[in-house]
Amino acid sequence: MKWKILVNLLSVLSGYFFTGNLWAEYRAYQYYVTSKYSFPQKTQSYLVTSTLTPDAYISYHGGNDVIALDLVQTWMCLGHTGQKLICPSPTQLDSL
């Protein structure tokens, strides 16, 4: 019985010490989005930054029949990113 307690305690402590070295990260994407519909008014293309992959972004916003998507740039946001805005791109940081 003491052996099981010791093994459980060691596994919990080792998990506690090794999780401090883990890093979360995600990829950010910047797209140039154009509508494929022809409206009477002029439709503007726009620049958007998202965490959705190109396929996911197109699917979420109506599919290939609705929007055209051009990937402008992509970058990684490192560290603890929970409940934060998308990190700025490295090219934006260079221009500051």
Protein backbone atom coordinates (compact mmCIF):
# COMPACT_ATOMS: atom_id res chain seq x y z
CA MET A 1 0.00 0.00 0.00
CA LYS A 2 2.81 2.42 0.88
CA TRP A 3 4.46 1.55 -2.42
CA LYS A 4 1.37 2.67 -4.39
CA ILE A 5 1.17 5.92 -2.46
CA LEU A 6 4.84 6.61 -3.12
CA VAL A 7 4.47 5.89 -6.85
CA ASN A 8 1.40 8.13 -7.10
CA LEU A 9 3.14 10.92 -5.21
CA LEU A 10 6.21 10.71 -7.45
CA SER A 11 4.11 10.76 -10.61
CA VAL A 12 2.21 13.83 -9.42
CA LEU A 13 5.39 15.66 -8.43
CA SER A 14 7.21 14.78 -11.65
CA GLY A 15 4.22 16.01 -13.65
CA TYR A 16 4.25 19.24 -11.67
CA PHE A 17 7.95 19.90 -12.26
CA PHE A 18 7.99 19.01 -15.96
CA THR A 19 4.93 21.04 -16.96
CA GLY A 20 6.75 24.28 -16.14
CA ASN A 21 8.87 23.77 -19.25
CA LEU A 22 5.94 23.54 -21.65
CA TRP A 23 5.01 26.42 -23.94
CA ALA A 24 1.74 27.06 -25.71
CA GLU A 25 1.74 28.55 -29.16
CA TYR A 26 -0.53 29.11 -32.12
CA ARG A 27 -0.20 30.31 -35.68
CA ALA A 28 -1.73 33.59 -36.83
CA TYR A 29 -2.70 34.23 -40.45
CA GLN A 30 -3.27 37.46 -42.35
CA TYR A 31 -5.57 37.26 -45.39
CA TYR A 32 -6.71 39.54 -48.16
CA VAL A 33 -10.43 38.72 -48.52
CA THR A 34 -12.52 39.49 -51.61
CA SER A 35 -16.22 38.80 -52.09
CA LYS A 36 -17.18 36.79 -55.18
CA TYR A 37 -20.68 38.25 -55.27
CA SER A 38 -21.34 41.14 -57.62
CA PHE A 39 -23.42 43.71 -55.76
CA PRO A 40 -24.84 46.91 -57.24
CA GLN A 41 -22.61 48.83 -54.84
CA LYS A 42 -18.86 48.45 -55.09
CA THR A 43 -17.55 45.78 -52.73
CA GLN A 44 -14.23 46.41 -51.05
CA SER A 45 -11.60 43.81 -50.39
CA TYR A 46 -10.22 43.89 -46.88
CA LEU A 47 -7.30 42.67 -44.80
CA VAL A 48 -8.10 40.37 -41.88
CA THR A 49 -5.97 38.67 -39.20
CA SER A 50 -7.21 35.35 -37.86
CA THR A 51 -6.15 32.16 -36.11
CA LEU A 52 -8.21 30.05 -38.52
CA THR A 53 -6.34 28.10 -41.20
CA PRO A 54 -7.14 29.09 -44.81
CA ASP A 55 -9.48 26.11 -45.31
CA ALA A 56 -11.25 26.72 -41.99
CA TYR A 57 -11.64 30.46 -42.71
CA ILE A 58 -13.17 29.83 -46.14
CA SER A 59 -15.52 27.16 -44.77
CA TYR A 60 -16.59 29.31 -41.82
CA HIS A 61 -17.39 32.30 -44.05
CA GLY A 62 -19.48 30.56 -46.70
CA GLY A 63 -17.11 28.52 -48.83
CA ASN A 64 -15.22 29.02 -52.10
CA ASP A 65 -18.34 30.26 -53.90
CA VAL A 66 -18.67 33.26 -51.56
CA ILE A 67 -15.15 34.57 -50.86
CA ALA A 68 -11.69 34.51 -52.39
CA LEU A 69 -8.77 34.39 -49.99
CA ASP A 70 -5.14 35.35 -50.52
CA LEU A 71 -2.65 34.55 -47.76
CA VAL A 72 -0.51 37.62 -47.08
CA GLN A 73 1.62 36.38 -44.18
CA THR A 74 1.70 33.98 -41.26
CA TRP A 75 3.59 33.93 -37.96
CA MET A 76 3.73 32.15 -34.62
CA CYS A 77 2.46 33.60 -31.34
CA LEU A 78 4.55 32.06 -28.56
CA GLY A 79 4.14 31.78 -24.81
CA HIS A 80 0.97 31.90 -22.74
CA THR A 81 -1.67 33.24 -25.11
CA GLY A 82 -4.89 32.46 -23.26
CA GLN A 83 -7.57 35.16 -23.38
CA LYS A 84 -5.28 37.57 -25.26
CA LEU A 85 -5.53 39.32 -28.59
CA ILE A 86 -3.63 37.94 -31.57
CA CYS A 87 0.02 38.93 -31.26
CA PRO A 88 1.37 41.46 -33.78
CA SER A 89 3.34 40.15 -36.74
CA PRO A 90 7.13 40.43 -36.67
CA THR A 91 7.00 42.83 -39.63
CA GLN A 92 4.71 45.16 -37.65
CA LEU A 93 7.12 45.04 -34.71
CA ASP A 94 10.06 45.96 -36.98
CA SER A 95 8.27 49.07 -38.24
CA LEU A 96 7.54 50.41 -34.73
